[in-house]
All heavy atoms as atom14 arrays in JSON, in Angstrom:
{
  "sequence": "HCRVRYLRVQRKLFRDDNRALSRWEYQKLLRAARARGWRRIALVVET",
  "atom14_mask": [
    [1, 1, 1, 1, 1, 1, 1, 1, 1, 1, 0, 0, 0, 0],
    [1, 1, 1, 1, 1, 1, 0, 0, 0, 0, 0, 0, 0, 0],
    [1, 1, 1, 1, 1, 1, 1, 1, 1, 1, 1, 0, 0, 0],
    [1, 1, 1, 1, 1, 1, 1, 0, 0, 0, 0, 0, 0, 0],
    [1, 1, 1, 1, 1, 1, 1, 1, 1, 1, 1, 0, 0, 0],
    [1, 1, 1, 1, 1, 1, 1, 1, 1, 1, 1, 1, 0, 0],
    [1, 1, 1, 1, 1, 1, 1, 1, 0, 0, 0, 0, 0, 0],
    [1, 1, 1, 1, 1, 1, 1, 1, 1, 1, 1, 0, 0, 0],
    [1, 1, 1, 1, 1, 1, 1, 0, 0, 0, 0, 0, 0, 0],
    [1, 1, 1, 1, 1, 1, 1, 1, 1, 0, 0, 0, 0, 0],
    [1, 1, 1, 1, 1, 1, 1, 1, 1, 1, 1, 0, 0, 0],
    [1, 1, 1, 1, 1, 1, 1, 1, 1, 0, 0, 0, 0, 0],
    [1, 1, 1, 1, 1, 1, 1, 1, 0, 0, 0, 0, 0, 0],
    [1, 1, 1, 1, 1, 1, 1, 1, 1, 1, 1, 0, 0, 0],
    [1, 1, 1, 1, 1, 1, 1, 1, 1, 1, 1, 0, 0, 0],
    [1, 1, 1, 1, 1, 1, 1, 1, 0, 0, 0, 0, 0, 0],
    [1, 1, 1, 1, 1, 1, 1, 1, 0, 0, 0, 0, 0, 0],
    [1, 1, 1, 1, 1, 1, 1, 1, 0, 0, 0, 0, 0, 0],
    [1, 1, 1, 1, 1, 1, 1, 1, 1, 1, 1, 0, 0, 0],
    [1, 1, 1, 1, 1, 0, 0, 0, 0, 0, 0, 0, 0, 0],
    [1, 1, 1, 1, 1, 1, 1, 1, 0, 0, 0, 0, 0, 0],
    [1, 1, 1, 1, 1, 1, 0, 0, 0, 0, 0, 0, 0, 0],
    [1, 1, 1, 1, 1, 1, 1, 1, 1, 1, 1, 0, 0, 0],
    [1, 1, 1, 1, 1, 1, 1, 1, 1, 1, 1, 1, 1, 1],
    [1, 1, 1, 1, 1, 1, 1, 1, 1, 0, 0, 0, 0, 0],
    [1, 1, 1, 1, 1, 1, 1, 1, 1, 1, 1, 1, 0, 0],
    [1, 1, 1, 1, 1, 1, 1, 1, 1, 0, 0, 0, 0, 0],
    [1, 1, 1, 1, 1, 1, 1, 1, 1, 0, 0, 0, 0, 0],
    [1, 1, 1, 1, 1, 1, 1, 1, 0, 0, 0, 0, 0, 0],
    [1, 1, 1, 1, 1, 1, 1, 1, 0, 0, 0, 0, 0, 0],
    [1, 1, 1, 1, 1, 1, 1, 1, 1, 1, 1, 0, 0, 0],
    [1, 1, 1, 1, 1, 0, 0, 0, 0, 0, 0, 0, 0, 0],
    [1, 1, 1, 1, 1, 0, 0, 0, 0, 0, 0, 0, 0, 0],
    [1, 1, 1, 1, 1, 1, 1, 1, 1, 1, 1, 0, 0, 0],
    [1, 1, 1, 1, 1, 0, 0, 0, 0, 0, 0, 0, 0, 0],
    [1, 1, 1, 1, 1, 1, 1, 1, 1, 1, 1, 0, 0, 0],
    [1, 1, 1, 1, 0, 0, 0, 0, 0, 0, 0, 0, 0, 0],
    [1, 1, 1, 1, 1, 1, 1, 1, 1, 1, 1, 1, 1, 1],
    [1, 1, 1, 1, 1, 1, 1, 1, 1, 1, 1, 0, 0, 0],
    [1, 1, 1, 1, 1, 1, 1, 1, 1, 1, 1, 0, 0, 0],
    [1, 1, 1, 1, 1, 1, 1, 1, 0, 0, 0, 0, 0, 0],
    [1, 1, 1, 1, 1, 0, 0, 0, 0, 0, 0, 0, 0, 0],
    [1, 1, 1, 1, 1, 1, 1, 1, 0, 0, 0, 0, 0, 0],
    [1, 1, 1, 1, 1, 1, 1, 0, 0, 0, 0, 0, 0, 0],
    [1, 1, 1, 1, 1, 1, 1, 0, 0, 0, 0, 0, 0, 0],
    [1, 1, 1, 1, 1, 1, 1, 1, 1, 0, 0, 0, 0, 0],
    [1, 1, 1, 1, 1, 1, 1, 0, 0, 0, 0, 0, 0, 0]
  ],
  "atom14_positions": [
    [[79.41, -71.82, 82.05], [80.78, -71.41, 82.32], [81.09, -70.03, 81.62], [82.18, -69.48, 81.97], [81.8, -72.52, 81.8], [81.61, -72.84, 80.35], [80.62, -73.58, 79.83], [82.4, -72.39, 79.3], [80.73, -73.64, 78.56], [81.8, -72.9, 78.19], [0.0, 0.0, 0.0], [0.0, 0.0, 0.0], [0.0, 0.0, 0.0], [0.0, 0.0, 0.0]],
    [[80.29, -69.56, 80.77], [80.49, -68.31, 80.14], [79.94, -67.07, 80.91], [80.17, -65.9, 80.53], [79.97, -68.29, 78.71], [80.73, -69.5, 77.62], [0.0, 0.0, 0.0], [0.0, 0.0, 0.0], [0.0, 0.0, 0.0], [0.0, 0.0, 0.0], [0.0, 0.0, 0.0], [0.0, 0.0, 0.0], [0.0, 0.0, 0.0], [0.0, 0.0, 0.0]],
    [[79.14, -67.35, 81.92], [78.45, -66.29, 82.7], [79.49, -65.47, 83.44], [80.51, -65.91, 83.93], [77.42, -66.9, 83.67], [76.26, -67.52, 83.01], [75.45, -68.38, 83.9], [75.03, -67.66, 85.12], [73.87, -67.07, 85.23], [73.0, -67.13, 84.23], [73.49, -66.45, 86.3], [0.0, 0.0, 0.0], [0.0, 0.0, 0.0], [0.0, 0.0, 0.0]],
    [[79.18, -64.2, 83.57], [80.09, -63.27, 84.35], [79.25, -62.55, 85.41], [78.0, -62.61, 85.4], [80.68, -62.21, 83.4], [81.61, -62.9, 82.37], [79.67, -61.33, 82.83], [0.0, 0.0, 0.0], [0.0, 0.0, 0.0], [0.0, 0.0, 0.0], [0.0, 0.0, 0.0], [0.0, 0.0, 0.0], [0.0, 0.0, 0.0], [0.0, 0.0, 0.0]],
    [[79.94, -61.86, 86.27], [79.22, -61.12, 87.31], [78.53, -59.89, 86.83], [79.08, -59.22, 85.9], [80.21, -60.72, 88.45], [80.73, -61.87, 89.3], [81.62, -61.32, 90.4], [82.19, -62.44, 91.22], [81.54, -62.98, 92.23], [80.38, -62.47, 92.6], [82.08, -63.97, 92.9], [0.0, 0.0, 0.0], [0.0, 0.0, 0.0], [0.0, 0.0, 0.0]],
    [[77.43, -59.57, 87.42], [76.74, -58.32, 87.06], [77.5, -57.13, 87.72], [78.18, -57.33, 88.73], [75.24, -58.32, 87.56], [74.4, -59.27, 86.79], [73.84, -60.38, 87.44], [74.04, -59.02, 85.43], [72.97, -61.26, 86.69], [73.21, -59.81, 84.76], [72.67, -60.98, 85.41], [71.9, -61.88, 84.71], [0.0, 0.0, 0.0], [0.0, 0.0, 0.0]],
    [[77.31, -55.99, 87.2], [77.88, -54.78, 87.79], [77.04, -54.42, 89.05], [75.79, -54.6, 89.08], [77.82, -53.59, 86.75], [78.68, -53.78, 85.55], [78.37, -52.63, 84.55], [80.16, -53.79, 85.96], [0.0, 0.0, 0.0], [0.0, 0.0, 0.0], [0.0, 0.0, 0.0], [0.0, 0.0, 0.0], [0.0, 0.0, 0.0], [0.0, 0.0, 0.0]],
    [[77.7, -53.86, 90.01], [77.02, -53.44, 91.2], [76.34, -52.09, 90.91], [76.95, -51.2, 90.34], [77.97, -53.27, 92.39], [78.58, -54.58, 92.91], [79.48, -54.37, 94.04], [78.77, -53.81, 95.16], [78.16, -54.55, 96.1], [78.17, -55.9, 96.02], [77.53, -54.02, 97.15], [0.0, 0.0, 0.0], [0.0, 0.0, 0.0], [0.0, 0.0, 0.0]],
    [[75.07, -52.07, 91.31], [74.26, -50.8, 91.02], [73.76, -50.25, 92.38], [73.15, -50.95, 93.17], [73.1, -51.09, 90.12], [72.25, -49.86, 89.89], [73.58, -51.69, 88.79], [0.0, 0.0, 0.0], [0.0, 0.0, 0.0], [0.0, 0.0, 0.0], [0.0, 0.0, 0.0], [0.0, 0.0, 0.0], [0.0, 0.0, 0.0], [0.0, 0.0, 0.0]],
    [[74.02, -49.01, 92.61], [73.5, -48.34, 93.83], [72.03, -48.04, 93.59], [71.62, -47.33, 92.67], [74.23, -46.99, 94.1], [73.83, -46.29, 95.31], [74.61, -46.92, 96.53], [75.67, -47.39, 96.42], [73.99, -46.81, 97.67], [0.0, 0.0, 0.0], [0.0, 0.0, 0.0], [0.0, 0.0, 0.0], [0.0, 0.0, 0.0], [0.0, 0.0, 0.0]],
    [[71.23, -48.53, 94.53], [69.71, -48.45, 94.23], [69.12, -47.62, 95.34], [69.49, -47.59, 96.49], [69.07, -49.83, 94.27], [69.6, -50.7, 93.12], [68.6, -51.74, 92.75], [69.06, -52.63, 91.75], [68.99, -52.41, 90.48], [68.41, -51.29, 90.04], [69.43, -53.24, 89.57], [0.0, 0.0, 0.0], [0.0, 0.0, 0.0], [0.0, 0.0, 0.0]],
    [[68.05, -46.8, 94.87], [67.3, -46.01, 95.78], [65.79, -46.44, 95.58], [65.4, -46.89, 94.59], [67.41, -44.5, 95.39], [68.85, -43.99, 95.6], [68.84, -42.49, 95.32], [68.49, -42.17, 93.93], [68.66, -40.74, 93.6], [0.0, 0.0, 0.0], [0.0, 0.0, 0.0], [0.0, 0.0, 0.0], [0.0, 0.0, 0.0], [0.0, 0.0, 0.0]],
    [[65.03, -46.15, 96.67], [63.66, -46.51, 96.62], [62.92, -45.69, 95.61], [62.02, -46.2, 94.94], [63.01, -46.36, 98.0], [61.81, -47.25, 98.23], [62.13, -48.69, 98.11], [61.32, -46.98, 99.71], [0.0, 0.0, 0.0], [0.0, 0.0, 0.0], [0.0, 0.0, 0.0], [0.0, 0.0, 0.0], [0.0, 0.0, 0.0], [0.0, 0.0, 0.0]],
    [[63.27, -44.47, 95.38], [62.69, -43.6, 94.33], [63.81, -42.94, 93.64], [64.88, -42.59, 94.23], [61.72, -42.55, 95.0], [60.56, -43.12, 95.64], [60.49, -43.26, 97.02], [59.46, -43.58, 94.91], [59.42, -43.76, 97.68], [58.37, -44.18, 95.49], [58.35, -44.26, 96.89], [0.0, 0.0, 0.0], [0.0, 0.0, 0.0], [0.0, 0.0, 0.0]],
    [[63.63, -42.6, 92.37], [64.63, -41.96, 91.62], [64.86, -40.52, 91.97], [66.03, -40.09, 91.95], [64.27, -42.03, 90.12], [64.38, -43.46, 89.57], [63.98, -43.45, 88.1], [64.18, -44.8, 87.53], [65.33, -45.23, 87.06], [66.39, -44.39, 86.99], [65.44, -46.45, 86.58], [0.0, 0.0, 0.0], [0.0, 0.0, 0.0], [0.0, 0.0, 0.0]],
    [[63.89, -39.8, 92.22], [64.07, -38.35, 92.57], [64.61, -38.25, 93.96], [64.06, -38.77, 94.98], [62.64, -37.71, 92.51], [62.65, -36.19, 92.74], [63.75, -35.72, 93.17], [61.68, -35.55, 92.47], [0.0, 0.0, 0.0], [0.0, 0.0, 0.0], [0.0, 0.0, 0.0], [0.0, 0.0, 0.0], [0.0, 0.0, 0.0], [0.0, 0.0, 0.0]],
    [[65.72, -37.54, 94.12], [66.42, -37.36, 95.38], [65.46, -36.78, 96.48], [65.59, -37.07, 97.64], [67.66, -36.53, 95.24], [68.81, -37.28, 94.6], [68.74, -38.52, 94.56], [69.67, -36.58, 94.05], [0.0, 0.0, 0.0], [0.0, 0.0, 0.0], [0.0, 0.0, 0.0], [0.0, 0.0, 0.0], [0.0, 0.0, 0.0], [0.0, 0.0, 0.0]],
    [[64.57, -35.88, 96.07], [63.66, -35.25, 96.96], [62.61, -36.26, 97.55], [61.97, -35.95, 98.5], [62.93, -34.12, 96.27], [63.86, -32.94, 95.87], [64.81, -32.68, 96.58], [63.53, -32.29, 94.78], [0.0, 0.0, 0.0], [0.0, 0.0, 0.0], [0.0, 0.0, 0.0], [0.0, 0.0, 0.0], [0.0, 0.0, 0.0], [0.0, 0.0, 0.0]],
    [[62.44, -37.39, 96.86], [61.47, -38.37, 97.3], [62.17, -39.7, 97.78], [61.46, -40.67, 98.08], [60.57, -38.72, 96.12], [59.71, -37.55, 95.66], [58.86, -37.94, 94.51], [57.88, -39.01, 94.88], [57.3, -39.8, 94.0], [57.55, -39.69, 92.75], [56.43, -40.69, 94.41], [0.0, 0.0, 0.0], [0.0, 0.0, 0.0], [0.0, 0.0, 0.0]],
    [[63.51, -39.69, 97.82], [64.25, -40.88, 98.18], [64.02, -41.27, 99.64], [64.03, -40.38, 100.49], [65.71, -40.75, 97.86], [0.0, 0.0, 0.0], [0.0, 0.0, 0.0], [0.0, 0.0, 0.0], [0.0, 0.0, 0.0], [0.0, 0.0, 0.0], [0.0, 0.0, 0.0], [0.0, 0.0, 0.0], [0.0, 0.0, 0.0], [0.0, 0.0, 0.0]],
    [[63.79, -42.49, 99.92], [63.68, -42.92, 101.33], [65.09, -43.36, 101.84], [65.88, -43.99, 101.05], [62.79, -44.18, 101.42], [61.27, -43.96, 101.16], [60.55, -45.22, 101.41], [60.72, -42.87, 102.12], [0.0, 0.0, 0.0], [0.0, 0.0, 0.0], [0.0, 0.0, 0.0], [0.0, 0.0, 0.0], [0.0, 0.0, 0.0], [0.0, 0.0, 0.0]],
    [[65.37, -43.01, 103.07], [66.58, -43.49, 103.67], [66.49, -44.97, 104.04], [65.36, -45.55, 104.01], [66.93, -42.69, 104.93], [65.93, -42.97, 105.93], [0.0, 0.0, 0.0], [0.0, 0.0, 0.0], [0.0, 0.0, 0.0], [0.0, 0.0, 0.0], [0.0, 0.0, 0.0], [0.0, 0.0, 0.0], [0.0, 0.0, 0.0], [0.0, 0.0, 0.0]],
    [[67.58, -45.61, 104.24], [67.59, -47.01, 104.7], [66.75, -47.2, 105.96], [65.94, -48.16, 106.12], [68.95, -47.56, 104.93], [69.03, -48.99, 105.37], [70.46, -49.49, 105.46], [71.02, -49.58, 104.14], [70.85, -50.62, 103.36], [70.15, -51.68, 103.73], [71.4, -50.7, 102.13], [0.0, 0.0, 0.0], [0.0, 0.0, 0.0], [0.0, 0.0, 0.0]],
    [[66.82, -46.2, 106.9], [66.06, -46.27, 108.19], [64.57, -46.19, 107.86], [63.8, -46.95, 108.43], [66.46, -45.12, 109.09], [65.73, -45.12, 110.34], [65.99, -45.81, 111.53], [64.47, -44.38, 110.65], [65.03, -45.58, 112.5], [64.07, -44.63, 111.92], [63.73, -43.48, 109.91], [62.97, -44.07, 112.6], [62.59, -42.95, 110.48], [62.25, -43.24, 111.79]],
    [[64.15, -45.33, 107.0], [62.69, -45.22, 106.58], [62.21, -46.48, 105.95], [61.09, -46.94, 106.16], [62.53, -43.98, 105.65], [62.73, -42.68, 106.4], [62.73, -41.51, 105.45], [63.25, -41.68, 104.3], [62.24, -40.37, 105.83], [0.0, 0.0, 0.0], [0.0, 0.0, 0.0], [0.0, 0.0, 0.0], [0.0, 0.0, 0.0], [0.0, 0.0, 0.0]],
    [[63.1, -47.03, 105.02], [62.69, -48.3, 104.36], [62.54, -49.4, 105.37], [61.52, -50.15, 105.29], [63.8, -48.58, 103.36], [63.78, -50.06, 102.91], [62.83, -50.48, 101.99], [64.75, -50.9, 103.33], [62.84, -51.79, 101.52], [64.75, -52.25, 102.81], [63.78, -52.69, 101.93], [63.78, -53.95, 101.54], [0.0, 0.0, 0.0], [0.0, 0.0, 0.0]],
    [[63.44, -49.53, 106.31], [63.38, -50.63, 107.31], [62.1, -50.37, 108.21], [61.44, -51.32, 108.66], [64.61, -50.66, 108.17], [65.84, -51.08, 107.46], [65.85, -52.55, 107.04], [64.91, -53.31, 107.5], [66.76, -52.93, 106.19], [0.0, 0.0, 0.0], [0.0, 0.0, 0.0], [0.0, 0.0, 0.0], [0.0, 0.0, 0.0], [0.0, 0.0, 0.0]],
    [[61.84, -49.09, 108.5], [60.62, -48.79, 109.29], [59.27, -49.27, 108.58], [58.42, -49.89, 109.18], [60.56, -47.27, 109.55], [59.35, -46.88, 110.47], [59.38, -45.4, 110.63], [58.21, -44.98, 111.54], [58.16, -43.48, 111.84], [0.0, 0.0, 0.0], [0.0, 0.0, 0.0], [0.0, 0.0, 0.0], [0.0, 0.0, 0.0], [0.0, 0.0, 0.0]],
    [[59.2, -48.98, 107.27], [58.09, -49.43, 106.53], [57.97, -50.93, 106.53], [56.87, -51.49, 106.68], [58.09, -48.84, 105.14], [57.93, -47.33, 104.98], [58.02, -46.97, 103.49], [56.63, -46.86, 105.52], [0.0, 0.0, 0.0], [0.0, 0.0, 0.0], [0.0, 0.0, 0.0], [0.0, 0.0, 0.0], [0.0, 0.0, 0.0], [0.0, 0.0, 0.0]],
    [[59.08, -51.56, 106.34], [59.15, -53.01, 106.21], [58.66, -53.63, 107.55], [57.89, -54.57, 107.62], [60.49, -53.48, 105.86], [60.67, -54.83, 105.18], [59.78, -55.0, 103.99], [62.11, -55.08, 104.81], [0.0, 0.0, 0.0], [0.0, 0.0, 0.0], [0.0, 0.0, 0.0], [0.0, 0.0, 0.0], [0.0, 0.0, 0.0], [0.0, 0.0, 0.0]],
    [[59.25, -53.14, 108.65], [58.85, -53.64, 110.04], [57.37, -53.43, 110.24], [56.73, -54.29, 110.84], [59.69, -52.95, 111.09], [61.15, -53.44, 111.13], [61.78, -53.02, 112.42], [61.84, -51.52, 112.58], [62.82, -50.8, 112.14], [63.85, -51.35, 111.56], [62.75, -49.49, 112.34], [0.0, 0.0, 0.0], [0.0, 0.0, 0.0], [0.0, 0.0, 0.0]],
    [[56.88, -52.27, 109.92], [55.46, -51.94, 110.13], [54.51, -52.95, 109.4], [53.52, -53.45, 109.95], [55.16, -50.54, 109.75], [0.0, 0.0, 0.0], [0.0, 0.0, 0.0], [0.0, 0.0, 0.0], [0.0, 0.0, 0.0], [0.0, 0.0, 0.0], [0.0, 0.0, 0.0], [0.0, 0.0, 0.0], [0.0, 0.0, 0.0], [0.0, 0.0, 0.0]],
    [[54.86, -53.21, 108.14], [54.07, -54.13, 107.33], [54.11, -55.54, 107.94], [53.09, -56.15, 108.06], [54.55, -54.13, 105.93], [0.0, 0.0, 0.0], [0.0, 0.0, 0.0], [0.0, 0.0, 0.0], [0.0, 0.0, 0.0], [0.0, 0.0, 0.0], [0.0, 0.0, 0.0], [0.0, 0.0, 0.0], [0.0, 0.0, 0.0], [0.0, 0.0, 0.0]],
    [[55.28, -55.97, 108.3], [55.39, -57.35, 108.84], [54.7, -57.49, 110.2], [54.1, -58.5, 110.48], [56.9, -57.72, 108.88], [57.53, -57.96, 107.59], [59.01, -58.1, 107.69], [59.64, -58.47, 106.48], [60.94, -58.44, 106.16], [61.8, -58.14, 107.13], [61.39, -58.81, 105.04], [0.0, 0.0, 0.0], [0.0, 0.0, 0.0], [0.0, 0.0, 0.0]],
    [[54.83, -56.44, 111.06], [54.22, -56.49, 112.36], [52.67, -56.55, 112.21], [52.05, -57.14, 113.11], [54.63, -55.23, 113.14], [0.0, 0.0, 0.0], [0.0, 0.0, 0.0], [0.0, 0.0, 0.0], [0.0, 0.0, 0.0], [0.0, 0.0, 0.0], [0.0, 0.0, 0.0], [0.0, 0.0, 0.0], [0.0, 0.0, 0.0], [0.0, 0.0, 0.0]],
    [[52.16, -55.99, 111.19], [50.67, -56.02, 111.02], [50.15, -57.19, 110.2], [49.01, -57.26, 109.85], [50.21, -54.64, 110.44], [50.26, -53.53, 111.48], [50.36, -52.19, 110.85], [50.37, -51.18, 111.92], [51.5, -50.92, 112.66], [52.6, -51.6, 112.48], [51.45, -50.03, 113.65], [0.0, 0.0, 0.0], [0.0, 0.0, 0.0], [0.0, 0.0, 0.0]],
    [[51.1, -57.98, 109.76], [50.71, -59.18, 108.93], [50.36, -58.84, 107.52], [49.72, -59.62, 106.84], [0.0, 0.0, 0.0], [0.0, 0.0, 0.0], [0.0, 0.0, 0.0], [0.0, 0.0, 0.0], [0.0, 0.0, 0.0], [0.0, 0.0, 0.0], [0.0, 0.0, 0.0], [0.0, 0.0, 0.0], [0.0, 0.0, 0.0], [0.0, 0.0, 0.0]],
    [[50.87, -57.69, 107.05], [50.63, -57.25, 105.67], [51.67, -57.91, 104.76], [52.58, -57.22, 104.34], [50.58, -55.75, 105.58], [49.55, -55.02, 106.31], [48.42, -55.59, 106.87], [49.57, -53.64, 106.74], [47.71, -54.61, 107.5], [48.41, -53.45, 107.43], [50.46, -52.62, 106.5], [48.06, -52.21, 108.01], [50.13, -51.4, 107.07], [48.94, -51.16, 107.75]],
    [[51.58, -59.15, 104.52], [52.63, -59.88, 103.84], [52.77, -59.33, 102.36], [53.88, -59.07, 101.9], [52.24, -61.32, 103.73], [53.36, -62.18, 103.07], [52.92, -63.61, 103.01], [53.98, -64.45, 102.34], [53.78, -65.77, 102.08], [52.65, -66.37, 102.33], [54.76, -66.42, 101.46], [0.0, 0.0, 0.0], [0.0, 0.0, 0.0], [0.0, 0.0, 0.0]],
    [[51.7, -59.09, 101.7], [51.74, -58.56, 100.35], [52.45, -57.18, 100.26], [53.3, -56.92, 99.45], [50.35, -58.48, 99.72], [50.27, -57.84, 98.36], [48.89, -57.93, 97.78], [47.91, -57.33, 98.7], [47.6, -55.98, 98.66], [48.16, -55.17, 97.8], [46.66, -55.56, 99.52], [0.0, 0.0, 0.0], [0.0, 0.0, 0.0], [0.0, 0.0, 0.0]],
    [[52.0, -56.31, 101.2], [52.57, -54.9, 101.2], [54.04, -54.95, 101.58], [54.88, -54.2, 101.08], [51.76, -54.05, 102.17], [50.4, -53.83, 101.52], [52.45, -52.69, 102.34], [49.42, -53.01, 102.37], [0.0, 0.0, 0.0], [0.0, 0.0, 0.0], [0.0, 0.0, 0.0], [0.0, 0.0, 0.0], [0.0, 0.0, 0.0], [0.0, 0.0, 0.0]],
    [[54.44, -55.9, 102.52], [55.83, -56.02, 102.87], [56.65, -56.47, 101.63], [57.77, -55.97, 101.46], [55.98, -57.06, 103.99], [0.0, 0.0, 0.0], [0.0, 0.0, 0.0], [0.0, 0.0, 0.0], [0.0, 0.0, 0.0], [0.0, 0.0, 0.0], [0.0, 0.0, 0.0], [0.0, 0.0, 0.0], [0.0, 0.0, 0.0], [0.0, 0.0, 0.0]],
    [[56.06, -57.33, 100.81], [56.78, -57.7, 99.65], [56.83, -56.59, 98.57], [57.86, -56.57, 97.86], [56.08, -58.92, 98.99], [56.43, -60.31, 99.59], [55.56, -61.39, 98.96], [57.96, -60.64, 99.35], [0.0, 0.0, 0.0], [0.0, 0.0, 0.0], [0.0, 0.0, 0.0], [0.0, 0.0, 0.0], [0.0, 0.0, 0.0], [0.0, 0.0, 0.0]],
    [[55.88, -55.77, 98.53], [55.89, -54.63, 97.67], [57.05, -53.7, 98.07], [57.9, -53.3, 97.26], [54.62, -53.82, 97.69], [54.75, -52.46, 97.03], [53.42, -54.58, 97.07], [0.0, 0.0, 0.0], [0.0, 0.0, 0.0], [0.0, 0.0, 0.0], [0.0, 0.0, 0.0], [0.0, 0.0, 0.0], [0.0, 0.0, 0.0], [0.0, 0.0, 0.0]],
    [[57.13, -53.42, 99.36], [58.22, -52.53, 99.83], [59.62, -53.21, 99.56], [60.5, -52.54, 99.13], [58.05, -52.26, 101.39], [59.22, -51.52, 101.93], [56.81, -51.53, 101.63], [0.0, 0.0, 0.0], [0.0, 0.0, 0.0], [0.0, 0.0, 0.0], [0.0, 0.0, 0.0], [0.0, 0.0, 0.0], [0.0, 0.0, 0.0], [0.0, 0.0, 0.0]],
    [[59.69, -54.48, 99.86], [60.99, -55.18, 99.6], [61.34, -55.19, 98.15], [62.51, -55.04, 97.77], [60.88, -56.58, 100.21], [62.21, -57.29, 100.35], [62.12, -58.53, 101.14], [61.09, -58.79, 101.72], [63.21, -59.23, 101.18], [0.0, 0.0, 0.0], [0.0, 0.0, 0.0], [0.0, 0.0, 0.0], [0.0, 0.0, 0.0], [0.0, 0.0, 0.0]],
    [[60.39, -55.37, 97.26], [60.62, -55.44, 95.84], [61.11, -54.06, 95.36], [62.08, -53.95, 94.62], [59.31, -55.87, 95.08], [58.94, -57.12, 95.52], [59.59, -55.86, 93.54], [0.0, 0.0, 0.0], [0.0, 0.0, 0.0], [0.0, 0.0, 0.0], [0.0, 0.0, 0.0], [0.0, 0.0, 0.0], [0.0, 0.0, 0.0], [0.0, 0.0, 0.0]]
  ]
}
């Protein structure tokens, strides 16, 4: 009953803005991994 909500944090796939992936690019990688049955790599991308 003492627990509180965490603060919302804006997350990026990479810290450097020059290397940041857009949401579209992220979804593209995720779809590609799942379509090829690369379960482990899909989980890496999702993590």
